[in-house]
Amino acid sequence: MKGTYTLAQLGLVNEYHFVVQPIVAGRGPQLLGGIRDRLDLKLTGTKPFGSGIVLLRYTPFR
């Protein structure tokens, strides 16, 4: 995810999409673990699916 972080630092990411799946997985790798600086994001949309999965759409505050 280092490349994504670099793009975020440069302000080149217009939108983030996260898919949240409700499962118990225990420990695993962090999605954005390498980010040291806070990313201020605004939730701009959600889409729930019948399976329990939710799509979350965020845009950076500028």
Protein backbone atom coordinates (compact mmCIF):
# COMPACT_ATOMS: atom_id res chain seq x y z
CA MET A 1 0.00 0.00 0.00
CA LYS A 2 3.03 2.28 -0.05
CA GLY A 3 2.18 3.55 -3.54
CA THR A 4 -1.35 4.47 -2.48
CA TYR A 5 0.01 6.37 0.50
CA THR A 6 2.39 8.34 -1.72
CA LEU A 7 -0.48 9.30 -4.03
CA ALA A 8 -2.56 10.35 -1.02
CA GLN A 9 0.29 12.50 0.34
CA LEU A 10 0.54 14.28 -3.01
CA GLY A 11 -3.21 14.94 -3.10
CA LEU A 12 -3.70 12.78 -6.20
CA VAL A 13 -6.47 10.52 -4.86
CA ASN A 14 -9.96 11.84 -5.64
CA GLU A 15 -12.01 9.10 -4.01
CA TYR A 16 -11.56 6.04 -1.79
CA HIS A 17 -13.86 3.00 -1.91
CA PHE A 18 -13.87 0.58 1.02
CA VAL A 19 -15.83 -2.65 1.01
CA VAL A 20 -16.66 -3.82 4.53
CA GLN A 21 -17.52 -7.49 4.93
CA PRO A 22 -18.83 -8.52 8.37
CA ILE A 23 -16.64 -11.50 9.24
CA VAL A 24 -14.44 -12.39 12.16
CA ALA A 25 -10.95 -12.84 10.78
CA GLY A 26 -8.71 -12.33 13.79
CA ARG A 27 -5.40 -10.62 13.18
CA GLY A 28 -4.17 -9.67 9.76
CA PRO A 29 -2.32 -6.99 7.82
CA GLN A 30 -3.45 -3.41 8.29
CA LEU A 31 -4.96 -1.85 5.19
CA LEU A 32 -3.46 1.59 5.77
CA GLY A 33 -0.87 0.72 8.40
CA GLY A 34 2.01 2.67 6.84
CA ILE A 35 0.25 6.04 6.97
CA ARG A 36 1.75 8.35 9.58
CA ASP A 37 -0.13 11.52 8.70
CA ARG A 38 -3.86 11.69 9.23
CA LEU A 39 -6.06 11.59 6.14
CA ASP A 40 -9.11 13.80 6.60
CA LEU A 41 -11.87 12.05 4.67
CA LYS A 42 -15.55 12.84 4.19
CA LEU A 43 -18.07 10.02 3.79
CA THR A 44 -19.85 10.78 0.51
CA GLY A 45 -21.86 7.63 -0.07
CA THR A 46 -22.82 4.18 1.11
CA LYS A 47 -24.32 1.16 -0.59
CA PRO A 48 -25.49 -1.79 1.51
CA PHE A 49 -25.89 -5.20 -0.07
CA GLY A 50 -28.23 -7.99 1.00
CA SER A 51 -25.28 -10.15 2.05
CA GLY A 52 -24.33 -7.66 4.78
CA ILE A 53 -21.46 -6.16 2.79
CA VAL A 54 -21.35 -2.36 2.72
CA LEU A 55 -19.55 -0.16 0.19
CA LEU A 56 -18.29 3.11 1.70
CA ARG A 57 -17.20 5.98 -0.53
CA TYR A 58 -14.96 8.74 0.84
CA THR A 59 -13.42 11.89 -0.63
CA PRO A 60 -10.54 13.85 0.90
CA PHE A 61 -11.17 17.23 2.51
CA ARG A 62 -9.25 19.83 0.54
